């Protein structure tokens, strides 16, 4: 098995999202948490960085993100 990263994604969590709501459903989650794929950019010979361009910042406040790779 190699250590090659195939895909990197991030979840962008909007400021108004409260995961502790009593009656939270999947439709509410999909509106408040956006899953996006990041693009890899090479910097130097042995280094990989990932970049995300996200234009849907439509609420005032602090956004959170969580990334995963495979």
Protein backbone atom coordinates (compact mmCIF):
# COMPACT_ATOMS: atom_id res chain seq x y z
CA UNK A 1 0.00 0.00 0.00
CA UNK A 2 1.28 3.42 -0.90
CA UNK A 3 0.98 6.62 1.03
CA UNK A 4 -0.44 8.51 -1.94
CA UNK A 5 -3.33 10.83 -1.06
CA UNK A 6 -6.13 10.40 -3.59
CA UNK A 7 -8.70 12.92 -2.40
CA UNK A 8 -9.03 15.68 0.19
CA UNK A 9 -12.42 17.05 1.22
CA UNK A 10 -13.55 19.66 3.71
CA UNK A 11 -16.82 20.33 5.42
CA UNK A 12 -17.60 24.05 5.69
CA UNK A 13 -19.86 24.60 8.69
CA UNK A 14 -21.94 27.78 8.65
CA UNK A 15 -22.11 30.06 11.72
CA UNK A 16 -25.77 29.37 12.53
CA UNK A 17 -25.41 25.58 12.68
CA UNK A 18 -26.08 23.99 16.08
CA UNK A 19 -25.38 20.22 16.05
CA UNK A 20 -27.08 19.85 19.45
CA UNK A 21 -30.59 20.73 18.23
CA UNK A 22 -33.19 18.31 19.56
CA UNK A 23 -34.96 17.71 16.23
CA UNK A 24 -32.06 17.97 13.76
CA UNK A 25 -32.68 16.26 10.41
CA UNK A 26 -30.48 15.54 7.35
CA UNK A 27 -32.01 18.34 5.29
CA UNK A 28 -30.99 20.90 7.90
CA UNK A 29 -27.50 19.43 8.05
CA UNK A 30 -27.08 19.55 4.26
CA UNK A 31 -28.12 23.23 4.22
CA UNK A 32 -25.71 24.20 7.01
CA UNK A 33 -22.72 21.90 6.34
CA UNK A 34 -21.26 22.02 2.81
CA UNK A 35 -18.97 19.21 1.62
CA UNK A 36 -16.37 20.44 -0.88
CA UNK A 37 -13.37 18.84 -2.60
CA UNK A 38 -9.97 20.52 -2.35
CA UNK A 39 -7.46 20.74 -5.20
CA UNK A 40 -3.83 19.77 -4.65
CA UNK A 41 -1.10 22.26 -5.54
CA UNK A 42 2.60 21.33 -5.60
CA UNK A 43 5.07 23.49 -3.72
CA UNK A 44 8.67 22.33 -4.07
CA UNK A 45 9.78 18.76 -4.72
CA UNK A 46 8.42 16.82 -1.73
CA UNK A 47 5.60 18.99 -0.46
CA UNK A 48 1.87 18.90 -1.19
CA UNK A 49 -0.58 21.58 -0.17
CA UNK A 50 -4.31 21.73 -0.72
CA UNK A 51 -6.32 24.77 -1.70
CA UNK A 52 -10.00 25.51 -1.50
CA UNK A 53 -11.87 28.29 -3.22
CA UNK A 54 -15.26 28.71 -1.59
CA UNK A 55 -17.61 31.52 -2.59
CA UNK A 56 -20.71 30.68 -0.54
CA UNK A 57 -19.95 32.70 2.59
CA UNK A 58 -23.45 34.18 2.88
CA UNK A 59 -23.84 34.47 6.67
CA UNK A 60 -22.05 36.83 9.01
CA UNK A 61 -20.03 35.10 11.72
CA UNK A 62 -17.32 32.51 12.18
CA UNK A 63 -17.25 29.54 9.82
CA UNK A 64 -15.67 26.25 10.88
CA UNK A 65 -14.10 23.60 8.71
CA UNK A 66 -13.10 19.99 9.08
CA UNK A 67 -10.90 18.22 6.52
CA UNK A 68 -10.37 14.56 5.62
CA UNK A 69 -8.12 12.75 3.17
CA UNK A 70 -7.97 9.29 1.67
